[in-house]
């Protein structure tokens, strides 16, 4: 993806925002269910008070037993923390404590009474004695990134989603990818970022000897339901994936790592999770209703155009209102605003087959290579829809036919190969689309066509394979 220095705004993992709104929606629903009755409010307040006191006790223990960094206590490390805070534009330097860990390798950021803190376990802090200051810097920058992105403040809003196995965890894993990027960028050493993650796997004595490529490839052999399940229920991505993400984001090279495609038997567990949540909501509703204090929600006309979910420009595009769309654009509307599904105005124009609207957006400066939160460019969307007219229009505007999206490494030709429109495939090939490009699962467009049963498309692509 990245063949040049990334901008700070590119450091945010694309799925973080989408996953946050998903878990927040579940949490808001849970809060509403609790707040709908007196007993529900009492239960919710009780849980919050209990969590508050447990957290307060832990913070008290850390503040009275940990060693707090300061200009007079490990001044070199404290100065590095100040430097990182200045780079990240954090207004206040958080308190940093070092705690004896009993051999555990860990660090975490936390918050109490609007006061941010970072705790580093002594096993990691000992790196300063081994000449590994860069690795310690990455760890500190990673935790500062959680504060920069306000991950700590958001936890209070998504607390109920943690009761559903695997739900809040998907958001937390996205946050870890973001913080890894922030830490590698602001520490200025992606190489140290990768060795730091290797250290978490094998320890601080031998991590320099780890063959990182072999470690990333290891995930190819370790597969199956419980391997998948262990990640679904984890707040952190598997370490080989985190190293791979740093390598591909900052290295600008194609990795040979193949992450196994989830099989349909795994999808069954996702269905179970959904049923667990439905059962959870139903049980709360039933319990609260038993007290006679839960009234049905009043009927109301559904407003599908909530200002928090979409934008006036996207509304105009969906309705095909050219005059209004042009007026909004002239008034400064954000052409790359993403709605709750991470679709832009351009995406909706392509999906609705409105060629004139696409021309308008392109003429007004819409980027034909903009990759949205769901990891597709306009050309990929047009290719997936099998719309050759849109493909021609986007190509004439400068769309890159061989652009690979950042999550799976897919190209427009791969999306077209999974459809049934031969003209679109031939058109992309004529524009120079490379059928030999492999995605991050080492699949070509020809293999994608076979995998989805698009036999006629596979025949078109087969002569191009080696």
Protein backbone atom coordinates (compact mmCIF):
# COMPACT_ATOMS: atom_id res chain seq x y z
CA UNK A 1 0.00 0.00 0.00
CA UNK A 2 2.58 2.54 1.14
CA UNK A 3 5.40 3.43 -1.18
CA UNK A 4 5.89 6.84 0.44
CA UNK A 5 5.92 8.30 3.94
CA UNK A 6 2.38 8.06 5.36
CA UNK A 7 0.59 11.15 6.62
CA UNK A 8 -0.57 11.15 10.28
CA UNK A 9 -4.21 10.88 9.23
CA UNK A 10 -3.39 7.67 7.33
CA UNK A 11 -2.18 5.99 10.51
CA UNK A 12 -5.70 5.21 11.73
CA UNK A 13 -6.59 1.62 10.89
CA UNK A 14 -9.46 1.82 8.44
CA UNK A 15 -11.75 -0.55 10.32
CA UNK A 16 -11.41 1.21 13.70
CA UNK A 17 -14.16 3.77 13.07
CA UNK A 18 -16.54 1.23 11.55
CA UNK A 19 -16.08 -1.25 14.40
CA UNK A 20 -16.51 1.48 17.00
CA UNK A 21 -19.92 2.43 15.64
CA UNK A 22 -20.96 -1.21 15.57
CA UNK A 23 -20.07 -1.88 19.22
CA UNK A 24 -21.42 1.53 20.25
CA UNK A 25 -24.77 0.68 18.66
CA UNK A 26 -24.99 -2.54 20.69
CA UNK A 27 -23.99 -0.68 23.85
CA UNK A 28 -26.51 2.12 23.34
CA UNK A 29 -29.26 -0.45 22.89
CA UNK A 30 -28.19 -2.15 26.13
CA UNK A 31 -28.12 1.17 28.00
CA UNK A 32 -31.60 1.97 26.71
CA UNK A 33 -32.88 -1.40 27.88
CA UNK A 34 -31.43 -0.88 31.35
CA UNK A 35 -32.59 2.73 31.62
CA UNK A 36 -36.15 1.80 30.66
CA UNK A 37 -36.98 0.69 34.21
CA UNK A 38 -36.05 1.49 37.81
CA UNK A 39 -34.57 -1.96 38.45
CA UNK A 40 -32.56 -1.72 35.24
CA UNK A 41 -31.10 1.64 36.26
CA UNK A 42 -30.25 0.22 39.69
CA UNK A 43 -28.43 -2.75 38.13
CA UNK A 44 -26.52 -0.50 35.74
CA UNK A 45 -25.49 1.95 38.46
CA UNK A 46 -24.42 -0.94 40.69
CA UNK A 47 -22.22 -2.42 37.97
CA UNK A 48 -20.63 0.96 37.22
CA UNK A 49 -19.92 1.69 40.91
CA UNK A 50 -18.42 -1.78 41.37
CA UNK A 51 -16.14 -1.33 38.36
CA UNK A 52 -15.22 2.17 39.52
CA UNK A 53 -14.06 0.99 42.95
CA UNK A 54 -12.09 -1.96 41.57
CA UNK A 55 -10.34 0.34 39.13
CA UNK A 56 -9.70 2.92 41.84
CA UNK A 57 -8.10 0.34 44.13
CA UNK A 58 -5.81 -0.81 41.31
CA UNK A 59 -4.80 2.80 40.55
CA UNK A 60 -4.10 3.44 44.23
CA UNK A 61 -1.82 0.40 44.37
CA UNK A 62 0.09 1.54 41.28
CA UNK A 63 0.50 5.13 42.44
CA UNK A 64 1.85 4.13 45.85
CA UNK A 65 4.07 1.22 44.79
CA UNK A 66 5.17 2.02 41.26
CA UNK A 67 8.18 4.19 40.40
CA UNK A 68 6.97 7.39 38.72
CA UNK A 69 9.12 8.80 35.93
CA UNK A 70 10.11 12.45 36.30
CA UNK A 71 12.96 14.83 35.44
CA UNK A 72 14.77 13.42 38.48
CA UNK A 73 13.66 9.78 38.10
CA UNK A 74 15.05 8.14 34.94
CA UNK A 75 15.28 11.57 33.24
CA UNK A 76 16.37 10.18 29.85
CA UNK A 77 13.26 8.03 29.52
CA UNK A 78 11.05 10.81 30.86
CA UNK A 79 12.52 13.18 28.28
CA UNK A 80 11.66 10.67 25.55
CA UNK A 81 8.05 10.55 26.80
CA UNK A 82 7.90 14.36 26.66
CA UNK A 83 9.31 14.30 23.13
CA UNK A 84 6.72 11.74 21.97
CA UNK A 85 3.90 13.76 23.56
CA UNK A 86 5.07 16.87 21.71
CA UNK A 87 5.13 14.99 18.39
CA UNK A 88 1.65 13.57 18.98
CA UNK A 89 0.41 17.01 20.09
CA UNK A 90 -0.75 15.73 23.48
CA UNK A 91 -1.45 18.75 25.66
CA UNK A 92 -0.38 17.08 28.89
CA UNK A 93 2.29 14.49 29.60
CA UNK A 94 0.61 11.54 31.34
CA UNK A 95 2.06 10.03 34.50
CA UNK A 96 4.25 7.02 33.70
CA UNK A 97 4.84 4.36 36.35
CA UNK A 98 7.15 1.35 36.32
CA UNK A 99 5.93 -1.72 38.20
CA UNK A 100 7.58 -5.01 39.12
CA UNK A 101 5.87 -7.63 36.99
CA UNK A 102 7.01 -11.04 38.13
CA UNK A 103 8.47 -11.73 34.68
CA UNK A 104 5.46 -10.61 32.61
CA UNK A 105 6.06 -8.49 29.52
CA UNK A 106 3.36 -5.87 29.31
CA UNK A 107 2.46 -2.21 29.41
CA UNK A 108 -0.91 -0.49 29.40
CA UNK A 109 -2.57 2.90 29.38
CA UNK A 110 -5.40 3.66 31.76
CA UNK A 111 -7.53 6.56 32.95
CA UNK A 112 -9.02 7.54 36.30
CA UNK A 113 -10.95 10.74 37.05
CA UNK A 114 -10.02 12.13 33.60
CA UNK A 115 -6.34 11.60 34.43
CA UNK A 116 -4.33 9.50 31.98
CA UNK A 117 -1.64 7.11 33.17
CA UNK A 118 0.78 4.65 31.58
CA UNK A 119 2.11 1.60 33.41
CA UNK A 120 5.19 -0.20 32.11
CA UNK A 121 6.16 -3.54 33.61
CA UNK A 122 9.74 -3.73 34.79
CA UNK A 123 10.65 -6.58 32.44
CA UNK A 124 10.11 -4.22 29.50
CA UNK A 125 11.63 -1.21 31.24
CA UNK A 126 14.81 -3.24 31.78
CA UNK A 127 15.47 -2.84 28.05
CA UNK A 128 17.31 0.39 28.84
CA UNK A 129 19.98 -1.75 30.50
CA UNK A 130 20.39 -3.88 27.36
CA UNK A 131 20.85 -1.06 24.86
CA UNK A 132 17.34 -1.53 23.45
CA UNK A 133 16.00 1.97 24.03
CA UNK A 134 14.29 2.00 20.61
CA UNK A 135 12.12 -0.98 21.53
CA UNK A 136 11.14 0.68 24.82
CA UNK A 137 10.34 3.87 22.88
CA UNK A 138 7.94 1.90 20.65
CA UNK A 139 6.16 0.48 23.70
CA UNK A 140 5.78 3.95 25.25
CA UNK A 141 4.60 5.45 21.95
CA UNK A 142 2.05 2.65 21.54
CA UNK A 143 0.47 3.43 24.91
CA UNK A 144 0.56 7.18 24.23
CA UNK A 145 -1.29 6.47 20.98
CA UNK A 146 -4.17 4.98 22.99
CA UNK A 147 -4.39 8.33 24.80
CA UNK A 148 -4.06 10.31 21.57
CA UNK A 149 -6.92 8.36 19.96
CA UNK A 150 -9.02 8.63 23.17
CA UNK A 151 -9.48 4.86 23.28
CA UNK A 152 -9.64 5.07 27.08
CA UNK A 153 -12.47 7.59 27.10
CA UNK A 154 -14.50 5.58 24.60
CA UNK A 155 -14.45 2.43 26.74
CA UNK A 156 -17.16 3.79 29.04
CA UNK A 157 -19.51 4.10 26.07
CA UNK A 158 -18.97 0.53 24.82
CA UNK A 159 -18.87 -1.22 28.19
CA UNK A 160 -22.06 -3.31 27.66
CA UNK A 161 -20.70 -4.67 24.36
CA UNK A 162 -17.98 -6.45 26.38
CA UNK A 163 -20.65 -8.82 27.70
CA UNK A 164 -21.02 -10.33 24.22
CA UNK A 165 -18.09 -12.65 23.37
CA UNK A 166 -16.07 -11.34 20.45
CA UNK A 167 -18.01 -8.10 19.94
CA UNK A 168 -15.97 -5.41 21.68
CA UNK A 169 -12.81 -7.39 20.95
CA UNK A 170 -12.99 -6.68 17.21
CA UNK A 171 -12.91 -2.94 17.93
CA UNK A 172 -10.05 -3.35 20.41
CA UNK A 173 -7.99 -5.30 17.86
CA UNK A 174 -8.48 -2.49 15.35
CA UNK A 175 -7.27 -0.02 18.00
CA UNK A 176 -4.10 -2.09 18.46
CA UNK A 177 -3.34 -1.91 14.72
CA UNK A 178 -3.80 1.87 14.87
CA UNK A 179 -1.52 2.26 17.89
CA UNK A 180 1.16 0.07 16.32
CA UNK A 181 1.16 2.42 13.32
CA UNK A 182 1.25 5.52 15.50
CA UNK A 183 4.10 4.12 17.58
CA UNK A 184 6.19 3.08 14.58
CA UNK A 185 5.61 6.45 12.90
CA UNK A 186 6.29 8.74 15.85
CA UNK A 187 9.20 6.68 17.18
CA UNK A 188 10.64 6.84 13.67
CA UNK A 189 11.74 3.20 13.70
CA UNK A 190 9.40 0.59 12.12
CA UNK A 191 12.19 -1.97 12.46
CA UNK A 192 12.22 -1.56 16.23
CA UNK A 193 8.44 -1.84 16.15
CA UNK A 194 8.69 -5.32 14.65
CA UNK A 195 11.41 -6.47 17.06
CA UNK A 196 9.35 -5.15 19.99
CA UNK A 197 6.42 -7.31 18.91
CA UNK A 198 8.76 -10.28 18.53
CA UNK A 199 9.91 -9.61 22.09
CA UNK A 200 6.34 -10.04 23.33
CA UNK A 201 6.35 -13.46 21.70
CA UNK A 202 9.65 -14.92 22.90
CA UNK A 203 11.01 -12.62 25.61
CA UNK A 204 13.60 -9.87 25.90
CA UNK A 205 16.73 -12.05 25.74
CA UNK A 206 16.41 -13.74 22.34
CA UNK A 207 13.95 -11.62 20.38
CA UNK A 208 16.74 -10.22 18.17
CA UNK A 209 17.38 -13.75 16.90
CA UNK A 210 13.80 -14.36 15.76
CA UNK A 211 13.41 -14.96 12.03
CA UNK A 212 10.50 -12.60 11.54
CA UNK A 213 9.57 -13.91 8.10
CA UNK A 214 9.41 -17.49 9.39
CA UNK A 215 7.42 -16.29 12.39
CA UNK A 216 4.88 -14.58 10.12
CA UNK A 217 4.75 -17.67 7.87
CA UNK A 218 4.06 -19.79 10.96
CA UNK A 219 0.46 -18.63 10.93
CA UNK A 220 0.01 -20.52 7.63
CA UNK A 221 0.44 -23.81 9.43
CA UNK A 222 -1.37 -22.93 12.63
CA UNK A 223 -4.99 -22.97 11.54
CA UNK A 224 -8.34 -24.40 12.47
CA UNK A 225 -11.44 -23.45 14.41
CA UNK A 226 -9.82 -22.89 17.79
CA UNK A 227 -6.97 -20.84 16.33
CA UNK A 228 -9.59 -18.61 14.72
CA UNK A 229 -11.69 -18.56 17.90
CA UNK A 230 -8.72 -17.58 20.06
CA UNK A 231 -8.28 -14.41 17.99
CA UNK A 232 -12.00 -13.62 17.86
CA UNK A 233 -12.09 -13.62 21.68
CA UNK A 234 -8.81 -11.71 22.05
CA UNK A 235 -8.40 -7.96 22.50
CA UNK A 236 -5.13 -8.09 20.52
CA UNK A 237 -4.44 -9.44 17.01
CA UNK A 238 -2.07 -12.37 16.71
CA UNK A 239 1.51 -11.13 16.96
CA UNK A 240 2.55 -12.41 13.48
CA UNK A 241 -0.30 -10.37 11.99
CA UNK A 242 0.81 -7.25 13.84
CA UNK A 243 4.37 -7.65 12.57
CA UNK A 244 3.03 -8.26 9.06
CA UNK A 245 0.86 -5.13 9.29
CA UNK A 246 3.85 -2.97 10.23
CA UNK A 247 5.94 -4.48 7.43
CA UNK A 248 3.36 -3.94 4.70
CA UNK A 249 2.28 -0.47 5.89
CA UNK A 250 5.75 1.01 6.26
CA UNK A 251 7.79 -1.25 4.03
CA UNK A 252 5.90 -0.74 0.78
CA UNK A 253 6.64 -4.33 -0.20
CA UNK A 254 4.46 -7.30 -0.96
CA UNK A 255 4.72 -9.87 1.79
CA UNK A 256 4.78 -13.58 1.09
CA UNK A 257 2.65 -14.26 4.15
CA UNK A 258 -0.66 -15.98 3.41
CA UNK A 259 -3.37 -15.54 5.99
CA UNK A 260 -5.77 -18.44 5.78
CA UNK A 261 -9.25 -17.70 4.52
CA UNK A 262 -11.94 -18.31 7.09
CA UNK A 263 -14.03 -21.31 6.23
CA UNK A 264 -17.78 -21.40 6.40
CA UNK A 265 -17.73 -23.59 9.50
CA UNK A 266 -16.25 -20.62 11.32
CA UNK A 267 -19.16 -18.51 10.14
CA UNK A 268 -21.38 -20.78 12.22
CA UNK A 269 -19.78 -19.48 15.38
CA UNK A 270 -20.48 -15.92 14.29
CA UNK A 271 -24.14 -16.88 14.01
CA UNK A 272 -23.98 -18.27 17.56
CA UNK A 273 -22.59 -14.94 18.79
CA UNK A 274 -25.49 -13.11 17.14
CA UNK A 275 -27.99 -15.44 18.80
CA UNK A 276 -26.24 -14.90 22.15
CA UNK A 277 -26.71 -11.18 21.78
CA UNK A 278 -30.34 -11.51 20.75
CA UNK A 279 -30.91 -13.77 23.74
CA UNK A 280 -29.12 -11.29 25.98
CA UNK A 281 -31.32 -8.41 24.84
CA UNK A 282 -34.46 -10.54 25.08
CA UNK A 283 -33.58 -11.63 28.63
CA UNK A 284 -33.07 -8.02 29.73
CA UNK A 285 -36.37 -7.00 28.13
CA UNK A 286 -38.21 -9.88 29.77
CA UNK A 287 -36.64 -9.27 33.18
CA UNK A 288 -37.34 -5.57 33.17
CA UNK A 289 -40.86 -6.05 31.81
CA UNK A 290 -41.60 -8.40 34.71
CA UNK A 291 -41.40 -5.42 37.03
CA UNK A 292 -44.17 -3.69 35.07
CA UNK A 293 -42.16 -0.57 34.50
CA UNK A 294 -41.08 -1.03 30.90
CA UNK A 295 -43.38 0.59 28.39
CA UNK A 296 -43.24 -0.34 24.71
CA UNK A 297 -41.38 2.14 22.57
CA UNK A 298 -43.86 4.55 20.93
CA UNK A 299 -44.43 4.22 17.24
CA UNK A 300 -42.48 6.73 15.22
CA UNK A 301 -41.78 7.28 11.59
CA UNK A 302 -38.35 5.91 10.78
CA UNK A 303 -35.93 8.61 9.72
CA UNK A 304 -33.49 6.93 7.36
CA UNK A 305 -31.53 10.12 6.85
CA UNK A 306 -30.08 10.70 10.32
CA UNK A 307 -27.44 13.41 10.29
CA UNK A 308 -25.09 11.12 12.23
CA UNK A 309 -25.32 8.37 9.64
CA UNK A 310 -24.98 10.20 6.34
CA UNK A 311 -24.53 13.64 4.79
CA UNK A 312 -26.77 15.95 2.72
CA UNK A 313 -24.53 15.33 -0.30
CA UNK A 314 -24.96 11.56 -0.04
CA UNK A 315 -28.72 12.04 0.28
CA UNK A 316 -28.75 14.15 -2.88
CA UNK A 317 -26.67 11.57 -4.74
CA UNK A 318 -28.93 8.69 -3.71
CA UNK A 319 -32.00 10.69 -4.77
CA UNK A 320 -30.33 11.64 -8.05
CA UNK A 321 -30.75 15.36 -7.38
CA UNK A 322 -27.99 16.83 -9.57
CA UNK A 323 -28.83 20.48 -8.81
CA UNK A 324 -28.75 19.99 -5.07
CA UNK A 325 -25.58 17.88 -5.23
CA UNK A 326 -23.78 20.56 -7.25
CA UNK A 327 -24.95 23.28 -4.88
CA UNK A 328 -23.71 21.33 -1.86
CA UNK A 329 -20.33 20.69 -3.49
CA UNK A 330 -19.93 24.36 -4.38
CA UNK A 331 -20.75 25.12 -0.75
CA UNK A 332 -17.81 23.04 0.45
CA UNK A 333 -19.37 19.60 1.09
CA UNK A 334 -16.82 16.90 1.89
CA UNK A 335 -16.60 14.66 -1.19
CA UNK A 336 -14.92 11.91 0.81
CA UNK A 337 -17.34 11.84 3.76
CA UNK A 338 -18.11 8.21 4.65
CA UNK A 339 -21.52 7.22 5.98
CA UNK A 340 -22.27 4.49 8.53
CA UNK A 341 -21.43 1.84 5.90
CA UNK A 342 -18.20 3.63 4.93
CA UNK A 343 -19.72 4.54 1.53
CA UNK A 344 -18.92 7.91 -0.03
CA UNK A 345 -21.06 9.95 -2.40
CA UNK A 346 -19.02 8.46 -5.27
CA UNK A 347 -19.79 4.91 -4.09
CA UNK A 348 -23.52 5.62 -4.02
CA UNK A 349 -23.40 7.24 -7.46
CA UNK A 350 -21.67 4.17 -8.91
CA UNK A 351 -23.99 1.73 -7.12
CA UNK A 352 -27.03 3.57 -8.48
CA UNK A 353 -25.58 3.61 -12.01
CA UNK A 354 -25.81 7.40 -12.23
CA UNK A 355 -23.11 8.25 -14.79
CA UNK A 356 -23.86 11.97 -14.83
CA UNK A 357 -23.52 12.14 -11.05
CA UNK A 358 -20.17 10.34 -11.21
CA UNK A 359 -18.99 12.84 -13.85
CA UNK A 360 -20.06 15.72 -11.62
CA UNK A 361 -18.19 14.34 -8.61
CA UNK A 362 -15.05 13.70 -10.66
CA UNK A 363 -15.20 17.16 -12.23
CA UNK A 364 -15.47 18.69 -8.76
CA UNK A 365 -12.35 16.92 -7.51
CA UNK A 366 -13.43 13.51 -6.18
CA UNK A 367 -10.41 11.19 -6.00
CA UNK A 368 -10.90 8.16 -8.33
CA UNK A 369 -8.35 6.24 -6.21
CA UNK A 370 -9.80 7.02 -2.77
CA UNK A 371 -9.91 3.87 -0.62
CA UNK A 372 -12.85 3.92 1.79
CA UNK A 373 -13.21 2.35 5.22
CA UNK A 374 -14.49 -0.86 3.68
CA UNK A 375 -11.30 -1.04 1.62
CA UNK A 376 -12.50 -0.44 -1.94
CA UNK A 377 -11.79 2.26 -4.51
CA UNK A 378 -14.44 3.62 -6.92
CA UNK A 379 -12.95 1.49 -9.71
CA UNK A 380 -13.27 -1.64 -7.58
CA UNK A 381 -16.90 -0.80 -6.87
CA UNK A 382 -17.61 -0.32 -10.58
CA UNK A 383 -15.78 -3.57 -11.41
CA UNK A 384 -17.73 -5.47 -8.77
CA UNK A 385 -20.98 -4.09 -10.17
CA UNK A 386 -19.91 -5.13 -13.69
CA UNK A 387 -20.42 -1.64 -15.10
CA UNK A 388 -18.01 -1.07 -18.04
CA UNK A 389 -19.30 2.47 -18.64
CA UNK A 390 -18.30 3.45 -15.12
CA UNK A 391 -14.94 1.72 -15.56
CA UNK A 392 -14.23 3.80 -18.69
CA UNK A 393 -15.24 7.00 -16.94
CA UNK A 394 -13.09 6.34 -13.87
CA UNK A 395 -10.09 5.25 -15.94
CA UNK A 396 -10.27 8.46 -17.98
CA UNK A 397 -10.22 10.36 -14.66
CA UNK A 398 -6.99 8.68 -13.58
CA UNK A 399 -8.10 5.54 -11.74
CA UNK A 400 -5.23 3.11 -11.11
CA UNK A 401 -6.28 -0.27 -12.55
CA UNK A 402 -3.62 -2.13 -10.54
CA UNK A 403 -4.23 -0.45 -7.17
CA UNK A 404 -4.27 -2.98 -4.29
CA UNK A 405 -6.46 -2.18 -1.31
CA UNK A 406 -4.79 -2.24 2.11
CA UNK A 407 -6.61 -5.06 3.93
CA UNK A 408 -6.66 -8.03 1.54
CA UNK A 409 -4.62 -6.74 -1.39
CA UNK A 410 -7.54 -7.00 -3.85
CA UNK A 411 -7.54 -5.27 -7.24
CA UNK A 412 -10.35 -4.09 -9.52
CA UNK A 413 -9.68 -7.05 -11.83
CA UNK A 414 -10.14 -9.47 -8.93
CA UNK A 415 -13.53 -7.93 -8.11
CA UNK A 416 -14.55 -8.10 -11.75
CA UNK A 417 -13.38 -11.72 -11.92
CA UNK A 418 -15.84 -12.67 -9.19
CA UNK A 419 -18.74 -11.31 -11.24
CA UNK A 420 -20.26 -12.34 -14.56
CA UNK A 421 -19.63 -9.37 -16.85
CA UNK A 422 -17.05 -10.37 -19.45
CA UNK A 423 -16.93 -6.89 -20.99
CA UNK A 424 -15.74 -5.39 -17.71
CA UNK A 425 -12.96 -7.99 -17.40
CA UNK A 426 -11.83 -7.48 -21.01
CA UNK A 427 -11.95 -3.72 -20.56
CA UNK A 428 -9.71 -3.83 -17.48
CA UNK A 429 -7.26 -6.15 -19.24
CA UNK A 430 -7.18 -3.74 -22.16
CA UNK A 431 -6.37 -0.91 -19.74
CA UNK A 432 -3.36 -2.85 -18.48
CA UNK A 433 -4.80 -4.63 -15.44
CA UNK A 434 -2.20 -7.23 -14.40
CA UNK A 435 -3.80 -10.69 -13.99
CA UNK A 436 -0.62 -11.97 -12.30
CA UNK A 437 -0.99 -9.73 -9.22
CA UNK A 438 -1.62 -11.76 -6.07
CA UNK A 439 -3.62 -10.61 -3.07
CA UNK A 440 -2.49 -11.20 0.51
CA UNK A 441 -3.89 -14.75 0.30
CA UNK A 442 -1.69 -15.36 -2.78
CA UNK A 443 -4.74 -15.58 -5.05
CA UNK A 444 -4.83 -14.14 -8.57
CA UNK A 445 -7.88 -12.86 -10.45
CA UNK A 446 -8.10 -16.22 -12.23
CA UNK A 447 -8.15 -18.05 -8.89
CA UNK A 448 -10.83 -15.66 -7.60
CA UNK A 449 -12.99 -16.45 -10.63
CA UNK A 450 -12.62 -20.18 -10.02
CA UNK A 451 -13.31 -19.78 -6.32
CA UNK A 452 -16.63 -18.00 -6.96
CA UNK A 453 -17.70 -20.27 -9.82
CA UNK A 454 -17.39 -17.62 -12.56
CA UNK A 455 -16.37 -20.13 -15.20
CA UNK A 456 -16.72 -17.85 -18.24
CA UNK A 457 -14.53 -15.23 -16.57
CA UNK A 458 -11.99 -17.87 -15.57
CA UNK A 459 -11.70 -18.90 -19.23
CA UNK A 460 -10.89 -15.29 -20.14
CA UNK A 461 -8.19 -15.07 -17.51
CA UNK A 462 -6.64 -18.53 -17.80
CA UNK A 463 -4.36 -17.75 -20.80
CA UNK A 464 -2.83 -14.96 -18.76
CA UNK A 465 -1.66 -17.24 -15.93
CA UNK A 466 1.75 -18.82 -15.78
